[in-house]
Amino acid sequence: MAADRLSALLFSATTGGTRRSISAALTEAGVTLEAEDSGAFPDQHFGHDYEFSINIAAADLPRLAYALIVKHYAGRFGAVDEVRDVAEQAGIKSGFATW
């Protein structure tokens, strides 16, 4: 990947007076997930908005991809087609083989 940065808002909702937003970003360094809580809960417990993140290094992304495939597609009859479709929708080429 060049100096590209892909990012997406994964979640944004308010429940019980607390708003949570979660975003993901992919860079050459890896993947970052960032979350921000604002409103009642963080105000009560911290006195301010609360932000946190996790980072997955680029070198670990193949193992993360494998773990996510196993978690979300195990036991699914259409797993091969579904993973291929997700890859294609993201512009990722996949190979096809028969034997």
C-alpha atoms as a PDB file:
ATOM      1  CA  MET A   1       0.000   0.000   0.000  1.00  0.00           C
ATOM      2  CA  ALA A   2       1.373   3.425  -0.825  1.00  0.00           C
ATOM      3  CA  ALA A   3       0.863   6.281   1.589  1.00  0.00           C
ATOM      4  CA  ASP A   4      -2.852   5.522   1.446  1.00  0.00           C
ATOM      5  CA  ARG A   5      -5.028   5.565   4.505  1.00  0.00           C
ATOM      6  CA  LEU A   6      -8.325   3.766   4.487  1.00  0.00           C
ATOM      7  CA  SER A   7     -10.785   4.645   7.229  1.00  0.00           C
ATOM      8  CA  ALA A   8     -14.365   3.865   8.150  1.00  0.00           C
ATOM      9  CA  LEU A   9     -16.854   4.709  10.857  1.00  0.00           C
ATOM     10  CA  LEU A  10     -17.850   1.310  12.279  1.00  0.00           C
ATOM     11  CA  PHE A  11     -20.383   2.373  14.883  1.00  0.00           C
ATOM     12  CA  SER A  12     -22.018   5.490  16.250  1.00  0.00           C
ATOM     13  CA  ALA A  13     -24.977   5.418  18.620  1.00  0.00           C
ATOM     14  CA  THR A  14     -26.329   6.848  21.839  1.00  0.00           C
ATOM     15  CA  THR A  15     -27.606   4.578  24.600  1.00  0.00           C
ATOM     16  CA  GLY A  16     -28.651   5.735  28.047  1.00  0.00           C
ATOM     17  CA  GLY A  17     -27.239   9.209  27.500  1.00  0.00           C
ATOM     18  CA  THR A  18     -23.819   7.923  26.410  1.00  0.00           C
ATOM     19  CA  ARG A  19     -22.649   8.216  22.833  1.00  0.00           C
ATOM     20  CA  ARG A  20     -20.039   5.801  21.484  1.00  0.00           C
ATOM     21  CA  SER A  21     -18.280   6.179  18.144  1.00  0.00           C
ATOM     22  CA  ILE A  22     -15.870   3.571  16.798  1.00  0.00           C
ATOM     23  CA  SER A  23     -13.684   3.977  13.739  1.00  0.00           C
ATOM     24  CA  ALA A  24     -11.089   1.859  11.968  1.00  0.00           C
ATOM     25  CA  ALA A  25      -8.094   2.972   9.938  1.00  0.00           C
ATOM     26  CA  LEU A  26      -5.647   1.008   7.802  1.00  0.00           C
ATOM     27  CA  THR A  27      -2.222   2.487   7.086  1.00  0.00           C
ATOM     28  CA  GLU A  28       1.167   1.081   6.134  1.00  0.00           C
ATOM     29  CA  ALA A  29       1.817   0.688   9.876  1.00  0.00           C
ATOM     30  CA  GLY A  30      -1.242  -1.517  10.442  1.00  0.00           C
ATOM     31  CA  VAL A  31      -4.809  -1.176  11.681  1.00  0.00           C
ATOM     32  CA  THR A  32      -6.045   1.130  14.408  1.00  0.00           C
ATOM     33  CA  LEU A  33      -9.456   0.926  16.046  1.00  0.00           C
ATOM     34  CA  GLU A  34     -10.424   4.069  17.962  1.00  0.00           C
ATOM     35  CA  ALA A  35     -13.395   4.538  20.254  1.00  0.00           C
ATOM     36  CA  GLU A  36     -14.795   7.657  21.891  1.00  0.00           C
ATOM     37  CA  ASP A  37     -17.389   7.720  24.642  1.00  0.00           C
ATOM     38  CA  SER A  38     -19.108  10.994  25.482  1.00  0.00           C
ATOM     39  CA  GLY A  39     -22.026  11.899  27.685  1.00  0.00           C
ATOM     40  CA  ALA A  40     -23.399  10.484  30.915  1.00  0.00           C
ATOM     41  CA  PHE A  41     -21.167   7.475  31.659  1.00  0.00           C
ATOM     42  CA  PRO A  42     -17.738   9.012  31.022  1.00  0.00           C
ATOM     43  CA  ASP A  43     -18.797  12.291  32.645  1.00  0.00           C
ATOM     44  CA  GLN A  44     -19.862  10.422  35.788  1.00  0.00           C
ATOM     45  CA  HIS A  45     -16.785   8.176  35.959  1.00  0.00           C
ATOM     46  CA  PHE A  46     -14.008  10.324  34.479  1.00  0.00           C
ATOM     47  CA  GLY A  47     -15.357  13.867  34.426  1.00  0.00           C
ATOM     48  CA  HIS A  48     -14.724  14.103  30.665  1.00  0.00           C
ATOM     49  CA  ASP A  49     -15.043  12.216  27.380  1.00  0.00           C
ATOM     50  CA  TYR A  50     -13.119   8.949  27.258  1.00  0.00           C
ATOM     51  CA  GLU A  51     -11.117   7.827  24.235  1.00  0.00           C
ATOM     52  CA  PHE A  52      -9.198   4.609  23.705  1.00  0.00           C
ATOM     53  CA  SER A  53      -7.678   2.638  20.848  1.00  0.00           C
ATOM     54  CA  ILE A  54      -5.961  -0.577  19.862  1.00  0.00           C
ATOM     55  CA  ASN A  55      -3.273  -0.972  17.212  1.00  0.00           C
ATOM     56  CA  ILE A  56      -2.490  -4.098  15.200  1.00  0.00           C
ATOM     57  CA  ALA A  57       0.911  -3.983  13.491  1.00  0.00           C
ATOM     58  CA  ALA A  58       1.051  -4.584   9.738  1.00  0.00           C
ATOM     59  CA  ALA A  59       3.143  -7.721  10.293  1.00  0.00           C
ATOM     60  CA  ASP A  60       0.294  -9.228  12.339  1.00  0.00           C
ATOM     61  CA  LEU A  61      -2.507  -8.480   9.835  1.00  0.00           C
ATOM     62  CA  PRO A  62      -2.354 -11.886   8.098  1.00  0.00           C
ATOM     63  CA  ARG A  63      -2.926 -13.640  11.445  1.00  0.00           C
ATOM     64  CA  LEU A  64      -5.716 -11.197  12.300  1.00  0.00           C
ATOM     65  CA  ALA A  65      -7.368 -11.870   8.925  1.00  0.00           C
ATOM     66  CA  TYR A  66      -7.130 -15.613   9.556  1.00  0.00           C
ATOM     67  CA  ALA A  67      -8.571 -15.279  13.086  1.00  0.00           C
ATOM     68  CA  LEU A  68     -11.487 -13.181  11.809  1.00  0.00           C
ATOM     69  CA  ILE A  69     -12.226 -15.648   9.000  1.00  0.00           C
ATOM     70  CA  VAL A  70     -12.252 -18.553  11.457  1.00  0.00           C
ATOM     71  CA  LYS A  71     -14.413 -16.650  13.946  1.00  0.00           C
ATOM     72  CA  HIS A  72     -16.995 -15.398  11.471  1.00  0.00           C
ATOM     73  CA  TYR A  73     -17.122 -18.157   8.834  1.00  0.00           C
ATOM     74  CA  ALA A  74     -16.557 -21.435  10.710  1.00  0.00           C
ATOM     75  CA  GLY A  75     -19.554 -23.727  10.267  1.00  0.00           C
ATOM     76  CA  ARG A  76     -20.900 -21.812   7.256  1.00  0.00           C
ATOM     77  CA  PHE A  77     -21.666 -23.802   4.106  1.00  0.00           C
ATOM     78  CA  GLY A  78     -20.984 -20.759   1.900  1.00  0.00           C
ATOM     79  CA  ALA A  79     -17.793 -19.640   3.666  1.00  0.00           C
ATOM     80  CA  VAL A  80     -15.596 -19.808   0.536  1.00  0.00           C
ATOM     81  CA  ASP A  81     -18.037 -17.777  -1.556  1.00  0.00           C
ATOM     82  CA  GLU A  82     -18.691 -15.292   1.255  1.00  0.00           C
ATOM     83  CA  VAL A  83     -15.005 -14.614   1.906  1.00  0.00           C
ATOM     84  CA  ARG A  84     -14.383 -14.290  -1.851  1.00  0.00           C
ATOM     85  CA  ASP A  85     -17.258 -11.787  -2.099  1.00  0.00           C
ATOM     86  CA  VAL A  86     -15.922  -9.705   0.800  1.00  0.00           C
ATOM     87  CA  ALA A  87     -12.466  -9.699  -0.794  1.00  0.00           C
ATOM     88  CA  GLU A  88     -13.862  -8.655  -4.176  1.00  0.00           C
ATOM     89  CA  GLN A  89     -15.940  -5.867  -2.620  1.00  0.00           C
ATOM     90  CA  ALA A  90     -12.742  -4.542  -1.015  1.00  0.00           C
ATOM     91  CA  GLY A  91     -10.843  -4.709  -4.321  1.00  0.00           C
ATOM     92  CA  ILE A  92      -8.755  -7.677  -3.170  1.00  0.00           C
ATOM     93  CA  LYS A  93      -8.029 -10.293  -5.824  1.00  0.00           C
ATOM     94  CA  SER A  94      -8.460 -13.933  -4.939  1.00  0.00           C
ATOM     95  CA  GLY A  95      -7.349 -17.026  -6.810  1.00  0.00           C
ATOM     96  CA  PHE A  96      -9.568 -19.963  -7.675  1.00  0.00           C
ATOM     97  CA  ALA A  97      -8.475 -23.580  -7.877  1.00  0.00           C
ATOM     98  CA  THR A  98     -10.078 -26.972  -8.350  1.00  0.00           C
ATOM     99  CA  TRP A  99      -8.607 -30.437  -8.058  1.00  0.00           C
END
